[in-house]
């Protein structure tokens, strides 16, 4: 079983977050997959961005504000 770091992008509204997770490569099952903790981390970042709680999202990930160019 190998683990490798990966950056997952989470987009909600006018924000996008870079969430650091670990992908797990295994010889059995559907690989690669992520741990339960990383899945919860992704969910928590998405919920925080939906509520526009940037402080909480910034504790879990690197957050960016998207500005439309008309």
PDB file of N, CA and C in Angstrom:
ATOM      1  N   UNK A   1       0.846  -1.163   0.000  1.00  0.00           N
ATOM      2  CA  UNK A   1       0.000   0.000   0.000  1.00  0.00           C
ATOM      3  C   UNK A   1       0.901   1.238   0.000  1.00  0.00           C
ATOM      4  N   UNK A   2       0.717   2.110  -0.983  1.00  0.00           N
ATOM      5  CA  UNK A   2       1.479   3.350  -1.089  1.00  0.00           C
ATOM      6  C   UNK A   2       0.568   4.539  -0.861  1.00  0.00           C
ATOM      7  N   UNK A   3       1.118   5.577  -0.266  1.00  0.00           N
ATOM      8  CA  UNK A   3       0.383   6.823  -0.067  1.00  0.00           C
ATOM      9  C   UNK A   3       1.116   7.926  -0.804  1.00  0.00           C
ATOM     10  N   UNK A   4       0.335   8.807  -1.432  1.00  0.00           N
ATOM     11  CA  UNK A   4       0.936   9.960  -2.091  1.00  0.00           C
ATOM     12  C   UNK A   4       0.071  11.184  -1.868  1.00  0.00           C
ATOM     13  N   UNK A   5       0.749  12.328  -1.732  1.00  0.00           N
ATOM     14  CA  UNK A   5       0.050  13.580  -1.480  1.00  0.00           C
ATOM     15  C   UNK A   5      -0.611  14.072  -2.760  1.00  0.00           C
ATOM     16  N   UNK A   6      -1.766  14.714  -2.586  1.00  0.00           N
ATOM     17  CA  UNK A   6      -2.518  15.233  -3.719  1.00  0.00           C
ATOM     18  C   UNK A   6      -3.254  16.493  -3.266  1.00  0.00           C
ATOM     19  N   UNK A   7      -3.440  17.433  -4.165  1.00  0.00           N
ATOM     20  CA  UNK A   7      -4.215  18.634  -3.879  1.00  0.00           C
ATOM     21  C   UNK A   7      -5.555  18.512  -4.590  1.00  0.00           C
ATOM     22  N   UNK A   8      -6.626  18.562  -3.829  1.00  0.00           N
ATOM     23  CA  UNK A   8      -7.984  18.484  -4.374  1.00  0.00           C
ATOM     24  C   UNK A   8      -8.580  19.885  -4.349  1.00  0.00           C
ATOM     25  N   UNK A   9      -9.199  20.299  -5.449  1.00  0.00           N
ATOM     26  CA  UNK A   9      -9.841  21.605  -5.523  1.00  0.00           C
ATOM     27  C   UNK A   9     -11.316  21.475  -5.177  1.00  0.00           C
ATOM     28  N   UNK A  10     -11.776  22.358  -4.295  1.00  0.00           N
ATOM     29  CA  UNK A  10     -13.185  22.397  -3.899  1.00  0.00           C
ATOM     30  C   UNK A  10     -13.716  23.771  -4.288  1.00  0.00           C
ATOM     31  N   UNK A  11     -14.757  23.806  -5.123  1.00  0.00           N
ATOM     32  CA  UNK A  11     -15.316  25.064  -5.612  1.00  0.00           C
ATOM     33  C   UNK A  11     -16.732  25.227  -5.089  1.00  0.00           C
ATOM     34  N   UNK A  12     -16.987  26.351  -4.431  1.00  0.00           N
ATOM     35  CA  UNK A  12     -18.329  26.677  -3.946  1.00  0.00           C
ATOM     36  C   UNK A  12     -18.530  28.181  -4.086  1.00  0.00           C
ATOM     37  N   UNK A  13     -19.543  28.578  -4.842  1.00  0.00           N
ATOM     38  CA  UNK A  13     -19.852  29.996  -4.996  1.00  0.00           C
ATOM     39  C   UNK A  13     -18.685  30.765  -5.596  1.00  0.00           C
ATOM     40  N   UNK A  14     -18.281  31.832  -4.911  1.00  0.00           N
ATOM     41  CA  UNK A  14     -17.180  32.670  -5.384  1.00  0.00           C
ATOM     42  C   UNK A  14     -15.846  32.277  -4.778  1.00  0.00           C
ATOM     43  N   UNK A  15     -15.759  31.072  -4.211  1.00  0.00           N
ATOM     44  CA  UNK A  15     -14.533  30.643  -3.546  1.00  0.00           C
ATOM     45  C   UNK A  15     -14.062  29.306  -4.102  1.00  0.00           C
ATOM     46  N   UNK A  16     -12.754  29.115  -4.022  1.00  0.00           N
ATOM     47  CA  UNK A  16     -12.160  27.827  -4.362  1.00  0.00           C
ATOM     48  C   UNK A  16     -11.092  27.534  -3.309  1.00  0.00           C
ATOM     49  N   UNK A  17     -10.968  26.279  -2.917  1.00  0.00           N
ATOM     50  CA  UNK A  17     -10.005  25.895  -1.881  1.00  0.00           C
ATOM     51  C   UNK A  17      -9.129  24.762  -2.390  1.00  0.00           C
ATOM     52  N   UNK A  18      -7.855  24.826  -2.015  1.00  0.00           N
ATOM     53  CA  UNK A  18      -6.908  23.746  -2.284  1.00  0.00           C
ATOM     54  C   UNK A  18      -6.774  22.934  -1.007  1.00  0.00           C
ATOM     55  N   UNK A  19      -7.247  21.699  -1.035  1.00  0.00           N
ATOM     56  CA  UNK A  19      -7.232  20.841   0.137  1.00  0.00           C
ATOM     57  C   UNK A  19      -6.182  19.752  -0.061  1.00  0.00           C
ATOM     58  N   UNK A  20      -5.242  19.667   0.871  1.00  0.00           N
ATOM     59  CA  UNK A  20      -4.197  18.640   0.805  1.00  0.00           C
ATOM     60  C   UNK A  20      -4.748  17.330   1.373  1.00  0.00           C
ATOM     61  N   UNK A  21      -4.701  16.274   0.549  1.00  0.00           N
ATOM     62  CA  UNK A  21      -5.151  14.948   0.982  1.00  0.00           C
ATOM     63  C   UNK A  21      -4.099  13.929   0.577  1.00  0.00           C
ATOM     64  N   UNK A  22      -4.289  12.697   1.036  1.00  0.00           N
ATOM     65  CA  UNK A  22      -3.418  11.592   0.640  1.00  0.00           C
ATOM     66  C   UNK A  22      -4.229  10.582  -0.149  1.00  0.00           C
ATOM     67  N   UNK A  23      -3.719  10.217  -1.317  1.00  0.00           N
ATOM     68  CA  UNK A  23      -4.311   9.139  -2.099  1.00  0.00           C
ATOM     69  C   UNK A  23      -3.627   7.841  -1.708  1.00  0.00           C
ATOM     70  N   UNK A  24      -4.409   6.804  -1.520  1.00  0.00           N
ATOM     71  CA  UNK A  24      -3.886   5.508  -1.099  1.00  0.00           C
ATOM     72  C   UNK A  24      -4.010   4.540  -2.264  1.00  0.00           C
ATOM     73  N   UNK A  25      -2.865   4.027  -2.709  1.00  0.00           N
ATOM     74  CA  UNK A  25      -2.833   3.014  -3.765  1.00  0.00           C
ATOM     75  C   UNK A  25      -2.712   1.641  -3.112  1.00  0.00           C
ATOM     76  N   UNK A  26      -3.631   0.750  -3.445  1.00  0.00           N
ATOM     77  CA  UNK A  26      -3.610  -0.608  -2.887  1.00  0.00           C
ATOM     78  C   UNK A  26      -3.742  -1.610  -4.029  1.00  0.00           C
ATOM     79  N   UNK A  27      -3.318  -2.821  -3.775  1.00  0.00           N
ATOM     80  CA  UNK A  27      -3.395  -3.870  -4.788  1.00  0.00           C
ATOM     81  C   UNK A  27      -4.790  -4.450  -4.926  1.00  0.00           C
ATOM     82  N   UNK A  28      -5.625  -4.244  -3.912  1.00  0.00           N
ATOM     83  CA  UNK A  28      -6.980  -4.782  -3.956  1.00  0.00           C
ATOM     84  C   UNK A  28      -7.984  -3.636  -3.964  1.00  0.00           C
ATOM     85  N   UNK A  29      -9.158  -3.894  -4.464  1.00  0.00           N
ATOM     86  CA  UNK A  29     -10.207  -2.880  -4.461  1.00  0.00           C
ATOM     87  C   UNK A  29     -10.024  -1.853  -5.557  1.00  0.00           C
ATOM     88  N   UNK A  30     -10.786  -0.787  -5.452  1.00  0.00           N
ATOM     89  CA  UNK A  30     -10.711   0.289  -6.425  1.00  0.00           C
ATOM     90  C   UNK A  30      -9.712   1.302  -5.928  1.00  0.00           C
ATOM     91  N   UNK A  31      -8.645   1.427  -6.618  1.00  0.00           N
ATOM     92  CA  UNK A  31      -7.549   2.270  -6.184  1.00  0.00           C
ATOM     93  C   UNK A  31      -7.365   3.399  -7.188  1.00  0.00           C
ATOM     94  N   UNK A  32      -6.970   4.575  -6.834  1.00  0.00           N
ATOM     95  CA  UNK A  32      -6.653   5.041  -5.493  1.00  0.00           C
ATOM     96  C   UNK A  32      -7.915   5.475  -4.737  1.00  0.00           C
ATOM     97  N   UNK A  33      -7.802   5.526  -3.428  1.00  0.00           N
ATOM     98  CA  UNK A  33      -8.905   5.989  -2.600  1.00  0.00           C
ATOM     99  C   UNK A  33      -8.352   6.889  -1.504  1.00  0.00           C
ATOM    100  N   UNK A  34      -9.263   7.540  -0.762  1.00  0.00           N
ATOM    101  CA  UNK A  34      -8.841   8.443   0.309  1.00  0.00           C
ATOM    102  C   UNK A  34      -9.372   7.922   1.644  1.00  0.00           C
ATOM    103  N   UNK A  35      -8.749   8.380   2.710  1.00  0.00           N
ATOM    104  CA  UNK A  35      -9.165   7.957   4.046  1.00  0.00           C
ATOM    105  C   UNK A  35     -10.462   8.657   4.444  1.00  0.00           C
ATOM    106  N   UNK A  36     -11.104   8.134   5.460  1.00  0.00           N
ATOM    107  CA  UNK A  36     -12.323   8.739   5.981  1.00  0.00           C
ATOM    108  C   UNK A  36     -12.044  10.150   6.502  1.00  0.00           C
ATOM    109  N   UNK A  37     -10.904  10.349   7.138  1.00  0.00           N
ATOM    110  CA  UNK A  37     -10.549  11.672   7.663  1.00  0.00           C
ATOM    111  C   UNK A  37     -10.397  12.693   6.537  1.00  0.00           C
ATOM    112  N   UNK A  38      -9.779  12.292   5.437  1.00  0.00           N
ATOM    113  CA  UNK A  38      -9.635  13.205   4.309  1.00  0.00           C
ATOM    114  C   UNK A  38     -10.983  13.493   3.652  1.00  0.00           C
ATOM    115  N   UNK A  39     -11.862  12.512   3.580  1.00  0.00           N
ATOM    116  CA  UNK A  39     -13.201  12.721   3.032  1.00  0.00           C
ATOM    117  C   UNK A  39     -13.985  13.704   3.893  1.00  0.00           C
ATOM    118  N   UNK A  40     -13.874  13.560   5.218  1.00  0.00           N
ATOM    119  CA  UNK A  40     -14.544  14.494   6.128  1.00  0.00           C
ATOM    120  C   UNK A  40     -13.949  15.896   6.011  1.00  0.00           C
ATOM    121  N   UNK A  41     -12.645  15.973   5.811  1.00  0.00           N
ATOM    122  CA  UNK A  41     -11.978  17.263   5.629  1.00  0.00           C
ATOM    123  C   UNK A  41     -12.520  17.967   4.386  1.00  0.00           C
ATOM    124  N   UNK A  42     -12.651  17.232   3.283  1.00  0.00           N
ATOM    125  CA  UNK A  42     -13.209  17.802   2.060  1.00  0.00           C
ATOM    126  C   UNK A  42     -14.644  18.280   2.279  1.00  0.00           C
ATOM    127  N   UNK A  43     -15.448  17.475   2.978  1.00  0.00           N
ATOM    128  CA  UNK A  43     -16.827  17.859   3.271  1.00  0.00           C
ATOM    129  C   UNK A  43     -16.883  19.107   4.145  1.00  0.00           C
ATOM    130  N   UNK A  44     -16.018  19.177   5.165  1.00  0.00           N
ATOM    131  CA  UNK A  44     -16.016  20.331   6.065  1.00  0.00           C
ATOM    132  C   UNK A  44     -15.614  21.616   5.341  1.00  0.00           C
ATOM    133  N   UNK A  45     -14.650  21.511   4.430  1.00  0.00           N
ATOM    134  CA  UNK A  45     -14.256  22.682   3.645  1.00  0.00           C
ATOM    135  C   UNK A  45     -15.411  23.122   2.757  1.00  0.00           C
ATOM    136  N   UNK A  46     -16.071  22.168   2.095  1.00  0.00           N
ATOM    137  CA  UNK A  46     -17.200  22.503   1.217  1.00  0.00           C
ATOM    138  C   UNK A  46     -18.338  23.167   1.999  1.00  0.00           C
ATOM    139  N   UNK A  47     -18.652  22.647   3.177  1.00  0.00           N
ATOM    140  CA  UNK A  47     -19.721  23.222   4.002  1.00  0.00           C
ATOM    141  C   UNK A  47     -19.338  24.633   4.468  1.00  0.00           C
ATOM    142  N   UNK A  48     -18.090  24.815   4.879  1.00  0.00           N
ATOM    143  CA  UNK A  48     -17.625  26.134   5.319  1.00  0.00           C
ATOM    144  C   UNK A  48     -17.695  27.149   4.183  1.00  0.00           C
ATOM    145  N   UNK A  49     -17.316  26.748   2.978  1.00  0.00           N
ATOM    146  CA  UNK A  49     -17.390  27.667   1.843  1.00  0.00           C
ATOM    147  C   UNK A  49     -18.833  28.007   1.496  1.00  0.00           C
ATOM    148  N   UNK A  50     -19.728  27.033   1.614  1.00  0.00           N
ATOM    149  CA  UNK A  50     -21.149  27.301   1.353  1.00  0.00           C
ATOM    150  C   UNK A  50     -21.700  28.325   2.324  1.00  0.00           C
ATOM    151  N   UNK A  51     -21.277  28.243   3.577  1.00  0.00           N
ATOM    152  CA  UNK A  51     -21.731  29.187   4.615  1.00  0.00           C
ATOM    153  C   UNK A  51     -20.926  30.480   4.602  1.00  0.00           C
ATOM    154  N   UNK A  52     -19.945  30.556   3.689  1.00  0.00           N
ATOM    155  CA  UNK A  52     -19.024  31.684   3.584  1.00  0.00           C
ATOM    156  C   UNK A  52     -18.248  31.900   4.875  1.00  0.00           C
ATOM    157  N   UNK A  53     -17.949  30.805   5.578  1.00  0.00           N
ATOM    158  CA  UNK A  53     -17.119  30.831   6.787  1.00  0.00           C
ATOM    159  C   UNK A  53     -15.671  30.637   6.351  1.00  0.00           C
ATOM    160  N   UNK A  54     -15.082  31.714   5.882  1.00  0.00           N
ATOM    161  CA  UNK A  54     -13.742  31.666   5.310  1.00  0.00           C
ATOM    162  C   UNK A  54     -12.696  31.358   6.374  1.00  0.00           C
ATOM    163  N   UNK A  55     -12.918  31.789   7.594  1.00  0.00           N
ATOM    164  CA  UNK A  55     -11.954  31.536   8.674  1.00  0.00           C
ATOM    165  C   UNK A  55     -11.823  30.042   8.918  1.00  0.00           C
ATOM    166  N   UNK A  56     -12.937  29.332   9.014  1.00  0.00           N
ATOM    167  CA  UNK A  56     -12.892  27.884   9.229  1.00  0.00           C
ATOM    168  C   UNK A  56     -12.280  27.177   8.018  1.00  0.00           C
ATOM    169  N   UNK A  57     -12.700  27.570   6.822  1.00  0.00           N
ATOM    170  CA  UNK A  57     -12.168  26.933   5.616  1.00  0.00           C
ATOM    171  C   UNK A  57     -10.660  27.164   5.504  1.00  0.00           C
ATOM    172  N   UNK A  58     -10.187  28.342   5.930  1.00  0.00           N
ATOM    173  CA  UNK A  58      -8.757  28.662   5.846  1.00  0.00           C
ATOM    174  C   UNK A  58      -7.927  27.835   6.818  1.00  0.00           C
ATOM    175  N   UNK A  59      -8.543  27.349   7.874  1.00  0.00           N
ATOM    176  CA  UNK A  59      -7.826  26.481   8.816  1.00  0.00           C
ATOM    177  C   UNK A  59      -7.580  25.097   8.221  1.00  0.00           C
ATOM    178  N   UNK A  60      -8.423  24.693   7.277  1.00  0.00           N
ATOM    179  CA  UNK A  60      -8.332  23.354   6.688  1.00  0.00           C
ATOM    180  C   UNK A  60      -7.689  23.334   5.306  1.00  0.00           C
ATOM    181  N   UNK A  61      -7.669  24.491   4.637  1.00  0.00           N
ATOM    182  CA  UNK A  61      -7.204  24.531   3.251  1.00  0.00           C
ATOM    183  C   UNK A  61      -6.749  25.940   2.891  1.00  0.00           C
ATOM    184  N   UNK A  62      -6.139  26.062   1.729  1.00  0.00           N
ATOM    185  CA  UNK A  62      -5.785  27.369   1.184  1.00  0.00           C
ATOM    186  C   UNK A  62      -6.981  27.836   0.362  1.00  0.00           C
ATOM    187  N   UNK A  63      -7.532  29.011   0.705  1.00  0.00           N
ATOM    188  CA  UNK A  63      -8.772  29.492   0.106  1.00  0.00           C
ATOM    189  C   UNK A  63      -8.491  30.703  -0.783  1.00  0.00           C
ATOM    190  N   UNK A  64      -9.163  30.718  -1.933  1.00  0.00           N
ATOM    191  CA  UNK A  64      -9.058  31.821  -2.881  1.00  0.00           C
ATOM    192  C   UNK A  64     -10.443  32.365  -3.186  1.00  0.00           C
ATOM    193  N   UNK A  65     -10.510  33.654  -3.426  1.00  0.00           N
ATOM    194  CA  UNK A  65     -11.748  34.297  -3.856  1.00  0.00           C
ATOM    195  C   UNK A  65     -11.705  34.450  -5.363  1.00  0.00           C
ATOM    196  N   UNK A  66     -12.790  34.068  -6.025  1.00  0.00           N
ATOM    197  CA  UNK A  66     -12.872  34.182  -7.475  1.00  0.00           C
ATOM    198  C   UNK A  66     -13.555  35.492  -7.850  1.00  0.00           C
ATOM    199  N   UNK A  67     -12.958  36.226  -8.761  1.00  0.00           N
ATOM    200  CA  UNK A  67     -13.512  37.479  -9.227  1.00  0.00           C
ATOM    201  C   UNK A  67     -13.824  37.341 -10.716  1.00  0.00           C
ATOM    202  N   UNK A  68     -15.083  37.500 -11.096  1.00  0.00           N
ATOM    203  CA  UNK A  68     -15.416  37.374 -12.510  1.00  0.00           C
ATOM    204  C   UNK A  68     -14.871  38.549 -13.315  1.00  0.00           C
ATOM    205  N   UNK A  69     -14.440  38.236 -14.525  1.00  0.00           N
ATOM    206  CA  UNK A  69     -14.012  39.270 -15.459  1.00  0.00           C
ATOM    207  C   UNK A  69     -15.118  39.402 -16.490  1.00  0.00           C
ATOM    208  N   UNK A  70     -15.824  40.506 -16.437  1.00  0.00           N
ATOM    209  CA  UNK A  70     -16.979  40.678 -17.316  1.00  0.00           C
ATOM    210  C   UNK A  70     -16.533  40.769 -18.727  1.00  0.00           C
TER     211      UNK A  70
END
